[in-house]
Protein backbone atom coordinates (compact mmCIF):
# COMPACT_ATOMS: atom_id res chain seq x y z
CA MET A 1 17.31 32.87 -19.90
CA THR A 2 15.83 30.28 -17.56
CA PRO A 3 15.28 27.17 -19.02
CA THR A 4 12.30 26.12 -18.77
CA VAL A 5 11.20 22.33 -17.06
CA ALA A 6 10.10 21.08 -20.01
CA GLY A 7 13.32 22.17 -21.68
CA LEU A 8 15.74 21.05 -19.00
CA ALA A 9 13.71 17.61 -19.29
CA ARG A 10 14.96 17.74 -23.60
CA LEU A 11 18.63 18.59 -22.36
CA ALA A 12 18.92 15.19 -20.10
CA GLY A 13 17.97 13.35 -23.29
CA PRO A 14 14.86 10.88 -23.81
CA THR A 15 13.62 9.07 -20.68
CA ASP A 16 12.76 5.04 -21.44
CA ALA A 17 9.50 5.79 -21.91
CA ASP A 18 10.42 7.99 -24.88
CA LEU A 19 12.56 5.88 -25.98
CA LEU A 20 10.37 2.93 -26.33
CA ALA A 21 7.60 4.96 -27.59
CA ARG A 22 9.51 5.71 -30.77
CA PHE A 23 10.59 2.02 -31.04
CA ALA A 24 7.27 0.93 -31.06
CA ALA A 25 5.90 3.86 -33.25
CA THR A 26 8.75 3.78 -35.93
CA ARG A 27 11.16 0.74 -35.40
CA ASP A 28 13.87 3.36 -34.70
CA ASP A 29 16.91 0.99 -34.62
CA ALA A 30 18.53 3.73 -32.57
CA ALA A 31 16.01 3.96 -30.02
CA PHE A 32 16.18 0.27 -29.19
CA ALA A 33 20.01 0.67 -29.11
CA GLU A 34 20.18 2.91 -26.23
CA LEU A 35 17.56 0.91 -24.35
CA VAL A 36 19.85 -2.11 -24.57
CA ARG A 37 22.85 -0.08 -23.67
CA ARG A 38 20.67 1.15 -20.44
CA HIS A 39 19.50 -1.81 -19.36
CA GLY A 40 21.65 -4.54 -21.02
CA PRO A 41 23.95 -4.81 -17.77
CA ALA A 42 21.03 -5.42 -15.51
CA VAL A 43 19.45 -7.95 -17.78
CA LEU A 44 22.93 -9.54 -18.35
CA ALA A 45 23.38 -10.09 -14.12
CA VAL A 46 20.48 -11.00 -13.75
CA CYS A 47 20.31 -14.01 -16.18
CA ARG A 48 23.99 -15.03 -15.00
CA ARG A 49 23.27 -15.27 -11.30
CA LEU A 50 20.64 -17.04 -12.06
CA THR A 51 21.43 -19.79 -14.70
CA GLY A 52 25.14 -20.11 -13.76
CA HIS A 53 26.27 -20.95 -17.30
CA ALA A 54 27.89 -18.53 -20.04
CA GLN A 55 25.80 -19.77 -22.84
CA ASP A 56 22.44 -19.85 -21.00
CA ALA A 57 22.76 -16.61 -19.64
CA GLU A 58 23.62 -14.91 -23.19
CA ASP A 59 20.23 -16.86 -24.81
CA ALA A 60 18.33 -15.69 -21.90
CA PHE A 61 19.64 -11.90 -22.28
CA GLN A 62 18.78 -12.03 -26.20
CA ALA A 63 15.01 -13.82 -25.28
CA ALA A 64 14.39 -10.89 -23.04
CA PHE A 65 15.17 -8.00 -25.36
CA LEU A 66 13.67 -10.11 -27.92
CA VAL A 67 10.41 -10.06 -26.17
CA LEU A 68 11.01 -6.54 -25.71
CA ALA A 69 10.93 -6.24 -29.11
CA ARG A 70 8.08 -7.60 -29.84
CA LYS A 71 6.11 -6.23 -27.14
CA ALA A 72 7.30 -2.61 -26.98
CA ASP A 73 3.95 -1.47 -27.77
CA ARG A 74 2.59 -3.73 -24.73
CA VAL A 75 4.50 -1.84 -21.86
CA ARG A 76 1.76 0.18 -19.57
CA PRO A 77 2.30 3.94 -20.06
CA GLY A 78 4.19 4.94 -16.91
CA GLU A 79 5.23 1.55 -15.95
CA PRO A 80 9.02 1.88 -15.89
CA VAL A 81 10.64 -0.43 -18.51
CA ALA A 82 13.44 -1.22 -16.26
CA GLY A 83 11.37 -3.09 -13.94
CA TRP A 84 9.12 -4.69 -16.74
CA LEU A 85 11.96 -5.93 -18.35
CA TYR A 86 13.64 -7.44 -15.06
CA GLY A 87 10.46 -9.85 -14.61
CA VAL A 88 10.72 -10.77 -18.27
CA ALA A 89 14.94 -11.23 -17.49
CA VAL A 90 14.14 -13.27 -14.64
CA ARG A 91 11.43 -15.79 -16.55
CA ALA A 92 13.72 -16.03 -19.06
CA ALA A 93 16.48 -17.26 -17.01
CA ARG A 94 14.70 -19.53 -15.11
CA ASN A 95 13.33 -21.52 -18.17
CA ALA A 96 16.72 -21.29 -19.56
CA ALA A 97 18.32 -22.82 -15.92
CA ALA A 98 15.63 -25.59 -16.21
CA ARG A 99 16.07 -26.36 -19.73
CA THR A 100 20.23 -26.95 -19.03
CA TRP A 101 19.02 -29.25 -16.41
CA ARG A 102 17.05 -31.57 -18.44
CA ARG A 103 19.64 -31.11 -21.65
CA ARG A 104 22.22 -31.97 -19.21
CA GLU A 105 20.89 -34.80 -16.77
CA VAL A 106 22.27 -38.48 -18.14
CA LEU A 107 21.72 -41.59 -16.54
CA VAL A 108 25.71 -43.02 -14.93
CA GLU A 109 26.18 -46.27 -13.18
CA ALA A 110 28.37 -44.80 -10.30
CA VAL A 111 28.33 -41.36 -9.21
CA PRO A 112 31.47 -39.59 -9.93
CA ASP A 113 33.30 -37.29 -7.48
CA VAL A 114 33.04 -33.54 -7.81
CA PRO A 115 35.90 -32.12 -9.45
CA ALA A 116 37.89 -28.97 -7.76
CA ARG A 117 36.37 -25.40 -9.45
CA ALA A 118 37.12 -22.01 -9.03
CA ALA A 119 35.30 -19.80 -6.45
CA GLU A 120 32.48 -18.18 -8.09
CA PRO A 121 32.23 -14.46 -7.66
CA PHE A 122 28.88 -14.25 -6.16
CA ASP A 123 27.18 -17.65 -4.11
CA ALA A 124 24.89 -19.24 -6.56
CA ASP A 125 21.87 -19.68 -3.65
CA ALA A 126 22.52 -16.48 -2.38
CA ALA A 127 22.05 -14.29 -5.62
CA ALA A 128 18.89 -16.36 -6.48
CA ALA A 129 17.44 -15.32 -3.03
CA VAL A 130 18.66 -11.92 -3.74
CA LEU A 131 16.87 -11.78 -7.11
CA ASP A 132 14.05 -13.82 -5.78
CA GLU A 133 13.09 -11.34 -3.21
CA VAL A 134 13.69 -8.48 -5.62
CA GLU A 135 10.59 -9.61 -7.79
CA ARG A 136 8.63 -10.02 -4.83
CA LEU A 137 9.09 -6.38 -4.01
CA PRO A 138 5.94 -4.20 -4.75
CA ASP A 139 6.66 -2.55 -8.10
CA PHE A 140 7.98 1.29 -6.12
CA LEU A 141 10.68 -0.11 -4.44
CA ARG A 142 11.56 -2.68 -6.84
CA SER A 143 12.13 -0.04 -9.56
CA ALA A 144 14.19 2.04 -7.02
CA VAL A 145 16.11 -1.21 -6.71
CA ILE A 146 16.71 -2.12 -10.23
CA LEU A 147 17.52 1.44 -11.32
CA CYS A 148 20.22 2.34 -8.40
CA GLU A 149 21.55 -1.16 -7.81
CA LEU A 150 21.19 -3.14 -10.99
CA GLU A 151 21.83 -0.71 -13.43
CA GLY A 152 24.08 2.04 -11.37
CA ARG A 153 22.19 5.29 -12.57
CA PRO A 154 22.34 8.04 -10.68
CA ARG A 155 20.06 9.16 -8.22
CA ALA A 156 18.64 12.24 -10.18
CA ALA A 157 18.66 9.93 -13.38
CA ALA A 158 16.37 7.53 -11.35
CA ALA A 159 14.02 9.72 -9.96
CA ARG A 160 13.69 11.15 -13.63
CA GLU A 161 12.62 8.05 -15.01
CA LEU A 162 10.45 7.38 -11.78
CA GLY A 163 8.74 10.63 -12.03
CA VAL A 164 9.71 11.41 -8.47
CA ALA A 165 11.38 13.65 -6.60
CA ALA A 166 15.16 12.41 -5.53
CA GLY A 167 14.40 12.70 -1.57
CA THR A 168 11.01 10.27 -2.87
CA LEU A 169 13.55 7.75 -4.70
CA SER A 170 16.08 7.87 -1.69
CA SER A 171 13.27 7.02 0.89
CA ARG A 172 12.12 4.19 -1.36
CA LEU A 173 15.72 2.75 -1.84
CA ALA A 174 16.46 3.18 1.85
CA ALA A 175 12.99 1.24 2.58
CA ALA A 176 14.38 -1.11 -0.42
CA ARG A 177 17.12 -2.31 1.32
CA LYS A 178 16.32 -2.42 4.48
CA ARG A 179 13.54 -4.94 3.69
CA LEU A 180 15.81 -6.95 1.58
CA ALA A 181 18.33 -7.35 4.32
CA ALA A 182 15.55 -8.33 6.58
CA ARG A 183 13.97 -10.90 4.07
CA LEU A 184 17.42 -12.19 3.04
CA ALA A 185 18.45 -13.06 6.69
CA ALA A 186 15.38 -14.85 7.79
CA ARG A 187 16.43 -16.98 4.70
CA GLY A 188 20.07 -17.01 6.12
CA PHE A 189 21.94 -15.07 4.04
CA ALA A 190 24.06 -12.16 5.52
CA PRO A 191 23.63 -8.40 4.03
CA ALA A 192 26.92 -9.01 2.05
CA ALA A 193 24.40 -11.05 -0.34
CA LEU A 194 23.21 -7.91 -1.45
CA ALA A 195 26.38 -7.57 -3.52
CA ALA A 196 24.51 -10.00 -6.38
CA LEU A 197 23.18 -7.00 -7.61
CA ALA A 198 25.65 -5.37 -9.30
CA PRO A 199 25.55 -5.09 -12.92
CA ALA A 200 27.75 -6.65 -15.34
CA ALA A 201 29.07 -5.44 -18.59
CA VAL A 202 27.98 -6.36 -21.73
CA PRO A 203 30.26 -7.35 -24.32
CA PRO A 204 30.12 -5.52 -27.45
CA ARG A 205 29.48 -8.97 -29.38
CA LEU A 206 26.79 -9.79 -27.24
CA ALA A 207 24.70 -6.40 -28.32
CA ALA A 208 25.64 -6.95 -31.88
CA ALA A 209 23.97 -10.49 -31.76
CA LEU A 210 20.51 -8.63 -31.15
CA ALA A 211 20.41 -7.68 -34.37
CA ALA A 212 21.50 -10.72 -36.16
CA THR A 213 18.65 -12.92 -38.16
CA PRO A 214 17.66 -15.61 -38.12
CA VAL A 215 16.78 -15.19 -34.65
CA PRO A 216 18.83 -18.80 -32.76
CA PRO A 217 16.65 -21.34 -32.36
CA ALA A 218 17.34 -21.78 -28.17
CA VAL A 219 17.14 -17.96 -27.87
CA ALA A 220 13.58 -18.02 -30.14
CA SER A 221 12.58 -20.80 -27.77
CA LEU A 222 12.95 -18.78 -24.64
CA ALA A 223 11.32 -15.87 -26.38
CA ASN A 224 8.29 -17.83 -26.76
CA GLY A 225 8.06 -19.57 -23.59
CA VAL A 226 8.22 -16.22 -21.71
CA LEU A 227 5.26 -14.80 -24.05
CA ARG A 228 3.53 -17.89 -23.66
CA ALA A 229 3.50 -17.35 -19.95
CA MET A 230 2.58 -13.41 -20.57
CA THR A 231 -0.57 -14.12 -22.49
CA LEU A 232 -2.03 -17.50 -22.21
CA LYS A 233 -3.89 -16.96 -18.53
CA PRO A 234 -5.30 -13.53 -18.80
CA LEU A 235 -6.57 -14.67 -22.29
CA ARG A 236 -8.58 -17.76 -20.28
CA ALA A 237 -9.07 -14.93 -16.98
CA ALA A 238 -10.66 -12.41 -18.49
CA GLY A 239 -11.03 -13.14 -22.26
CA LEU A 240 -8.79 -10.28 -23.63
CA ALA A 241 -6.64 -10.11 -26.87
CA VAL A 242 -3.09 -11.41 -26.31
CA ALA A 243 -1.67 -9.09 -23.88
CA LEU A 244 0.93 -8.74 -21.01
CA VAL A 245 0.36 -9.19 -17.77
CA ALA A 246 0.93 -6.16 -16.30
CA ALA A 247 -1.39 -4.56 -18.77
CA ALA A 248 -4.03 -7.23 -19.23
CA VAL A 249 -5.76 -6.37 -15.52
CA ALA A 250 -9.54 -6.50 -15.25
CA ALA A 251 -12.27 -4.69 -17.40
CA GLY A 252 -11.87 -0.83 -15.66
CA PHE A 253 -8.79 -1.21 -13.56
CA ALA A 254 -6.26 -1.21 -16.38
CA GLY A 255 -4.08 2.06 -16.93
CA PRO A 256 -4.30 3.71 -20.15
CA PRO A 257 -3.37 1.61 -23.11
CA ALA A 258 -0.62 2.11 -25.15
CA ALA A 259 -2.50 1.96 -28.13
CA ALA A 260 -6.42 1.55 -28.80
CA ASP A 261 -8.48 0.64 -26.17
CA PRO A 262 -8.84 -3.45 -25.45
CA ALA A 263 -12.49 -4.80 -25.67
CA PRO A 264 -13.72 -4.70 -22.16
CA ALA A 265 -14.82 -8.11 -20.35
CA PRO A 266 -18.50 -8.38 -19.53
CA PRO A 267 -19.53 -7.13 -16.30
CA PRO A 268 -19.54 -10.67 -14.06
CA ALA A 269 -23.27 -11.90 -13.18
CA ALA A 270 -24.55 -10.71 -10.22
CA PRO A 271 -24.54 -13.01 -6.91
CA GLN A 272 -27.81 -15.27 -6.76
CA ALA A 273 -30.04 -14.54 -4.06
CA VAL A 274 -30.79 -17.44 -1.29
CA ALA A 275 -33.66 -18.75 -1.08
CA ALA A 276 -34.40 -17.39 2.85
CA ALA A 277 -33.06 -14.11 4.09
CA GLY A 278 -29.32 -14.79 5.46
CA GLY A 279 -29.05 -17.94 3.84
CA GLY A 280 -25.66 -19.66 2.82
CA GLN A 281 -22.53 -20.03 5.17
CA LEU A 282 -20.18 -17.56 6.70
CA LEU A 283 -16.23 -18.18 6.97
CA LEU A 284 -15.48 -16.64 10.50
CA TRP A 285 -11.54 -16.22 11.90
CA CYS A 286 -11.74 -17.75 15.40
CA GLY A 287 -7.85 -17.45 16.95
CA GLY A 288 -5.64 -19.11 14.59
CA ASN A 289 -8.32 -21.15 12.86
CA PRO A 290 -10.85 -20.61 10.21
CA VAL A 291 -14.59 -22.15 11.13
CA LEU A 292 -17.45 -22.40 8.42
CA LEU A 293 -20.91 -21.06 9.55
CA ARG A 294 -24.36 -21.72 9.36
CA PRO A 295 -26.17 -18.03 9.56
CA ASP A 296 -27.54 -19.36 13.45
CA GLY A 297 -23.89 -19.99 14.69
CA THR A 298 -24.12 -23.40 14.23
CA GLU A 299 -20.72 -25.04 12.86
CA VAL A 300 -20.14 -26.65 9.70
CA ARG A 301 -16.62 -27.39 10.38
CA LYS A 302 -13.56 -26.35 11.44
CA LEU A 303 -10.91 -25.66 8.96
CA PRO A 304 -7.14 -26.84 9.46
CA GLY A 305 -5.31 -23.99 11.09
CA THR A 306 -2.90 -21.75 9.84
CA GLY A 307 -1.17 -20.55 13.02
CA PHE A 308 -1.54 -16.67 12.20
CA GLU A 309 -4.28 -15.34 15.26
CA ASP A 310 -5.87 -12.64 13.05
CA ALA A 311 -6.51 -11.74 9.48
CA HIS A 312 -6.76 -8.08 9.47
CA GLY A 313 -10.33 -8.45 8.15
CA SER A 314 -9.35 -9.83 5.16
CA ALA A 315 -9.95 -13.38 5.05
CA ARG A 316 -12.64 -13.80 1.84
CA LEU A 317 -14.57 -16.99 0.55
CA HIS A 318 -14.05 -17.58 -2.88
CA PRO A 319 -17.43 -17.63 -5.27
CA ASP A 320 -17.52 -21.41 -5.49
CA GLY A 321 -17.04 -21.90 -2.32
CA LYS A 322 -14.52 -24.18 -2.16
CA ARG A 323 -11.61 -21.88 -1.35
CA PHE A 324 -10.79 -18.34 0.48
CA ALA A 325 -8.06 -15.49 0.06
CA TYR A 326 -6.77 -14.00 3.49
CA SER A 327 -3.48 -11.80 4.27
CA SER A 328 -2.49 -11.58 7.73
CA GLU A 329 0.69 -10.52 10.00
CA GLU A 330 3.32 -13.38 9.60
CA GLN A 331 4.13 -15.44 12.61
CA PRO A 332 6.52 -15.57 14.35
CA ARG A 333 7.69 -12.56 13.92
CA PRO A 334 11.13 -12.52 12.64
CA LYS A 335 11.63 -10.26 15.56
CA VAL A 336 10.57 -7.73 17.87
CA GLY A 337 8.72 -5.21 15.76
CA ASP A 338 8.97 -6.61 12.51
CA THR A 339 5.79 -6.86 11.13
CA ARG A 340 5.37 -8.69 7.41
CA VAL A 341 2.05 -9.09 5.98
CA GLU A 342 1.59 -12.04 3.37
CA THR A 343 -1.36 -12.87 1.30
CA TYR A 344 -2.05 -16.67 0.95
CA VAL A 345 -4.80 -18.71 -1.23
CA ARG A 346 -6.20 -21.45 0.35
CA ASP A 347 -8.29 -24.66 -0.27
CA LEU A 348 -10.82 -24.97 2.32
CA THR A 349 -9.61 -28.59 3.18
CA ALA A 350 -6.25 -28.10 2.90
CA PRO A 351 -4.03 -27.81 6.08
CA GLY A 352 -0.95 -25.24 6.55
CA LEU A 353 -0.60 -21.67 4.96
CA GLY A 354 -1.87 -22.10 1.43
CA LYS A 355 0.03 -20.87 -1.39
CA ALA A 356 1.31 -17.29 -0.97
CA VAL A 357 0.55 -14.98 -3.61
CA GLY A 358 3.82 -13.51 -3.45
CA VAL A 359 2.49 -9.71 -2.56
CA GLU A 360 4.00 -8.50 1.04
CA ASN A 361 2.21 -5.78 3.04
CA ALA A 362 -1.10 -6.68 1.41
CA ALA A 363 -3.63 -5.95 3.97
CA ALA A 364 -7.17 -6.37 2.15
CA VAL A 365 -8.22 -8.57 -0.59
CA ALA A 366 -11.31 -8.92 -2.85
CA TRP A 367 -12.64 -11.26 -5.37
CA GLY A 368 -13.44 -10.14 -8.98
CA ASP A 369 -14.51 -11.31 -12.12
CA GLY A 370 -16.47 -13.84 -10.93
CA GLY A 371 -13.72 -14.97 -9.08
CA ASP A 372 -11.42 -15.44 -11.51
CA ARG A 373 -8.96 -12.72 -10.35
CA LEU A 374 -7.96 -11.31 -6.55
CA TYR A 375 -7.46 -8.02 -5.91
CA GLY A 376 -5.50 -5.84 -3.36
CA GLY A 377 -3.87 -2.89 -1.46
CA TYR A 378 -0.50 -2.32 -0.17
CA ASN A 379 -0.54 -0.99 3.34
CA ALA A 380 2.31 0.95 2.71
CA PRO A 381 2.18 4.86 3.46
CA GLY A 382 2.43 6.69 0.79
CA CYS A 383 1.96 3.81 -1.94
CA ASP A 384 0.61 4.31 -5.34
CA THR A 385 -0.25 0.95 -6.46
CA ALA A 386 -2.35 -1.79 -5.87
CA TRP A 387 -2.18 -5.38 -7.30
CA VAL A 388 -4.48 -8.42 -9.01
CA SER A 389 -3.64 -11.84 -9.64
CA ASP A 390 -5.55 -14.63 -10.99
CA ALA A 391 -7.65 -17.04 -8.94
CA ASP A 392 -4.72 -19.21 -7.61
CA GLY A 393 -2.62 -16.40 -6.90
CA GLY A 394 -0.25 -16.41 -9.19
CA ASP A 395 0.46 -13.53 -12.43
CA VAL A 396 0.69 -10.84 -10.03
CA ALA A 397 0.55 -7.57 -11.61
CA GLU A 398 0.11 -3.77 -10.36
CA PHE A 399 -1.73 -1.05 -11.23
CA SER A 400 -1.71 2.41 -10.06
CA PHE A 401 -3.65 3.76 -7.34
CA PRO A 402 -4.48 6.88 -5.53
CA VAL A 403 -1.39 7.69 -3.52
CA GLY A 404 -2.03 7.14 0.33
CA ARG A 405 -4.88 5.08 -0.27
CA LEU A 406 -5.54 1.13 0.74
CA LEU A 407 -7.92 -0.83 -1.41
CA LEU A 408 -10.38 -2.25 0.77
CA ASP A 409 -12.80 -3.67 -1.32
CA ARG A 410 -14.58 -4.02 -5.11
CA SER A 411 -18.18 -3.92 -6.08
CA PRO A 412 -19.78 -7.08 -7.57
CA ASP A 413 -20.70 -5.44 -10.83
CA GLY A 414 -16.77 -4.48 -11.31
CA ARG A 415 -17.65 -0.32 -11.42
CA HIS A 416 -16.46 0.96 -8.03
CA LEU A 417 -14.05 0.53 -5.57
CA LEU A 418 -13.72 0.89 -1.80
CA ALA A 419 -10.23 2.69 -0.56
CA LEU A 420 -9.50 3.88 2.79
CA LYS A 421 -7.33 6.93 3.19
CA VAL A 422 -5.68 8.00 6.52
CA ASN A 423 -5.56 11.84 7.20
CA ARG A 424 -3.00 12.95 9.23
CA ASP A 425 -3.25 16.46 8.77
CA VAL A 426 -5.48 17.03 11.60
CA ASP A 427 -5.52 17.58 15.21
CA GLY A 428 -5.28 14.80 17.46
CA PRO A 429 -5.63 11.51 16.56
CA PRO A 430 -5.33 10.31 12.78
CA VAL A 431 -8.51 10.37 11.21
CA SER A 432 -9.66 7.49 8.61
CA GLU A 433 -11.71 8.38 5.61
CA VAL A 434 -13.47 5.87 3.07
CA HIS A 435 -13.36 6.99 -0.32
CA LEU A 436 -15.64 5.11 -2.81
CA LEU A 437 -14.25 5.37 -6.32
CA ARG A 438 -15.15 4.70 -10.22
CA ALA A 439 -13.28 1.81 -11.72
CA ASP A 440 -10.92 4.46 -13.41
CA ARG A 441 -9.67 5.44 -9.83
CA THR A 442 -11.45 8.91 -9.95
CA THR A 443 -12.66 9.98 -6.72
CA VAL A 444 -16.96 9.69 -6.31
CA ALA A 445 -17.18 10.89 -2.45
CA VAL A 446 -16.29 10.04 0.74
CA VAL A 447 -18.91 7.92 2.02
CA SER A 448 -17.55 7.90 6.01
CA PRO A 449 -18.71 10.74 8.39
CA ALA A 450 -15.89 12.99 9.07
CA ARG A 451 -13.53 12.81 11.72
CA TYR A 452 -14.71 9.22 12.61
CA GLN A 453 -12.54 6.40 12.80
CA VAL A 454 -13.31 3.62 10.19
CA ALA A 455 -13.58 0.03 11.74
CA ALA A 456 -14.55 -2.04 8.85
CA ALA A 457 -15.92 -1.09 5.55
CA ARG A 458 -17.30 -3.36 2.53
CA PHE A 459 -19.67 -3.59 -0.19
CA ALA A 460 -22.70 -5.47 0.30
CA PRO A 461 -22.48 -8.62 -1.50
CA ASP A 462 -25.85 -7.05 -3.98
CA GLY A 463 -24.16 -4.50 -4.88
CA ARG A 464 -26.89 -1.97 -3.71
CA SER A 465 -24.97 -0.50 -0.61
CA ILE A 466 -21.96 0.05 1.52
CA LEU A 467 -21.68 -1.37 4.94
CA LEU A 468 -19.38 0.85 7.53
CA GLY A 469 -18.31 0.25 11.09
CA VAL A 470 -17.50 3.45 12.61
CA ASP A 471 -15.85 4.63 15.79
CA PRO A 472 -17.41 8.09 16.76
CA PRO A 473 -14.89 10.78 18.28
CA ALA A 474 -14.86 11.93 21.96
CA ALA A 475 -16.40 14.96 20.59
CA ALA A 476 -19.49 12.86 19.29
CA ALA A 477 -23.10 13.02 20.74
CA ASP A 478 -22.73 9.46 21.69
CA PRO A 479 -19.18 8.24 22.03
CA GLY A 480 -17.44 5.29 23.02
CA ARG A 481 -20.24 3.35 21.04
CA PRO A 482 -19.65 1.61 17.68
CA VAL A 483 -22.10 2.28 14.67
CA ILE A 484 -22.61 0.27 11.55
CA LEU A 485 -24.04 2.53 8.99
CA ARG A 486 -25.71 1.54 5.94
CA VAL A 487 -24.52 4.41 2.38
CA SER A 488 -27.24 3.57 -0.39
CA MET A 489 -25.19 3.40 -3.74
CA LYS A 490 -27.98 4.89 -5.42
CA ASP A 491 -27.46 8.51 -3.78
CA LEU A 492 -25.23 7.85 -1.24
CA SER A 493 -28.10 8.33 1.67
CA GLU A 494 -27.32 7.13 5.10
CA SER A 495 -28.52 5.43 7.17
CA THR A 496 -27.66 3.70 10.77
CA VAL A 497 -28.43 -0.33 10.88
CA THR A 498 -27.20 -0.67 14.81
CA ARG A 499 -25.22 0.63 17.48
CA LEU A 500 -23.10 -1.68 19.35
CA PRO A 501 -23.25 -1.19 23.31
CA LYS A 502 -20.81 1.31 24.93
CA GLY A 503 -17.22 -0.04 25.24
CA THR A 504 -17.56 -2.30 22.59
CA THR A 505 -15.27 -2.84 19.92
CA LEU A 506 -16.11 -3.48 16.37
CA GLU A 507 -13.91 -5.99 14.20
CA SER A 508 -15.36 -6.72 10.93
CA VAL A 509 -18.83 -6.51 8.94
CA CYS A 510 -20.26 -8.03 6.03
CA GLY A 511 -23.72 -8.52 4.43
CA SER A 512 -26.05 -11.42 3.52
CA PRO A 513 -25.87 -13.27 -0.11
CA ASP A 514 -29.49 -11.28 -0.88
CA GLY A 515 -28.58 -8.26 0.87
CA ALA A 516 -30.46 -8.73 3.66
CA ARG A 517 -28.89 -9.34 6.80
CA VAL A 518 -25.71 -7.95 8.44
CA ALA A 519 -23.01 -9.79 10.49
CA TYR A 520 -20.27 -8.43 12.44
CA THR A 521 -17.70 -9.54 14.99
CA TRP A 522 -17.01 -7.67 18.19
CA TYR A 523 -15.53 -7.98 21.67
CA ALA A 524 -16.32 -6.17 25.13
CA ALA A 525 -13.98 -3.78 27.02
CA GLN A 526 -12.61 -5.07 30.28
CA PRO A 527 -11.35 -3.28 33.10
CA GLU A 528 -7.52 -2.14 33.03
CA GLY A 529 -5.49 -5.47 34.55
CA VAL A 530 -8.04 -8.04 33.37
CA PRO A 531 -6.26 -10.61 30.92
CA ALA A 532 -6.81 -11.14 27.55
CA SER A 533 -8.30 -14.44 28.35
CA GLU A 534 -10.91 -12.85 30.12
CA TYR A 535 -12.20 -10.75 26.84
CA VAL A 536 -15.44 -12.34 25.36
CA TYR A 537 -15.45 -11.87 21.28
CA GLY A 538 -18.81 -12.46 19.80
CA LEU A 539 -20.34 -12.60 16.37
CA THR A 540 -23.84 -10.88 15.82
CA VAL A 541 -26.26 -10.94 12.94
CA CYS A 542 -29.08 -8.47 12.11
CA ASP A 543 -31.05 -7.27 9.80
CA LEU A 544 -31.02 -4.08 7.55
CA ARG A 545 -32.38 -1.67 10.39
CA GLY A 546 -30.70 -3.65 13.30
CA GLY A 547 -33.69 -5.62 14.53
CA ASN A 548 -33.81 -9.40 14.73
CA ALA A 549 -30.62 -9.32 16.26
CA ALA A 550 -29.37 -12.47 17.75
CA THR A 551 -25.86 -13.33 19.04
CA VAL A 552 -25.01 -16.51 17.41
CA TYR A 553 -21.47 -17.21 18.05
CA THR A 554 -19.34 -16.41 21.19
CA ARG A 555 -16.16 -17.33 23.00
CA LYS A 556 -13.95 -16.10 25.89
CA GLY A 557 -10.44 -15.89 25.15
CA THR A 558 -10.60 -16.49 21.81
CA ALA A 559 -10.62 -13.41 19.15
CA LEU A 560 -12.82 -13.08 16.45
CA GLY A 561 -11.57 -11.43 13.82
CA SER A 562 -12.64 -11.23 9.93
CA VAL A 563 -16.22 -12.81 8.98
CA ASP A 564 -17.48 -13.13 5.35
CA TRP A 565 -20.55 -14.52 3.94
CA ARG A 566 -21.04 -16.39 1.11
């Protein structure tokens, strides 16, 4: 008799999720011991590489599993245990290393010579760089690296843990290795540094020490420090019960809870309408320099430049008007053809790039929960996750998202999302679609016209409509003229705001805070052979029916990218 799929799964033994569920439900010691056997080598390797000290590494190792024991019921269903433990181990090891540095620092009258020492099996700086870059990988790539490289799992077993085909796992692993090698090279390390991902053998005495009582004070202190870091920020940001950062995403975004549903956070207050239609201020990406404008195009001030030429339509002002978030291609590129997209949060008055969020290939960002959180998606084909951070770009956590869709925006009331899907299974060029999703990521409708290319998509700030910028196909009645559409959230009816002149390319679109006006950026195509320095770029403002249109800001040879209105 041929075994069923479920039967084959049983023959292969319990998954990490099965073991964790058993331990969370019944405190099954055997299940926990098996988790230690599977993940201990990777956790110990991380702790040794980051602390460089045997006793500190063992303390951090025990602290990581103590956190798992205390929070087993808080690991989000479907989240790889290996990835979760990796994050805990990194935090515990870094805390242990900092603690040791403070403890060992002493004042001396003279600096002694450095004594000779045996060569370490791994260069400490290279090992730390490797683990840092692994931590920055998207969850779906990081989990593949941890299971196959740090834990040494066979491909079939790792694929089963992640719930993907073996071929998919191999593709993810190859992509992760390529990305790690490139990022390490940019930091001055050779590919050989990836050897730091080798697992470490766990001594039997160390595994047995996990069952010891009472918990050693040094271990308890590290574990409590990790637990505090995991819980304090979500409590302040969302007002939820104590939960892990990975599980405590905003109401409506969190995956199914392990036990009872947490109390949902109250929806943020609706944006306040301004006194006059089209009031407020606009943030415009002008070359590499963000510019604050009044709606009539008058410059309020130019902000210190970032050096980036484009922000991929993703620069967003924070509701408090004092900072903004953006994602952009890294400049200069490390090498020809190597494109990286980084995400930053920056104060309006601060120079430089701002604080890196630590999310690579994020092509759109949106503020949510009244500005307490920042949401974004990954610009990676086949990706099945999106991410959320706090308002300062810290405590990044991922959550599941429909495969092959990029999160574009979040409605002001937090009840809906916009996502972009590129359909390549059609004749001719790929066709992009904008999907309206509920907060639980189920699809409501495709809101962009069939076979049109999407240039821009945003919720209007008042939450009553969706603004779309689309390019009609060659077979359309009026090809070559981009169209801005308004889709009602009440019944998804569609109306035309305006049509741009033929030959114009639409860059970005947004609505005024009161929902009465629309702003969009564009550039006029030039005959073949005309240099980019001769291109004309503009910012136009009009009402919801295209009336009272005024081009309030123009530049020649300087690209105008994303625009946001607060």
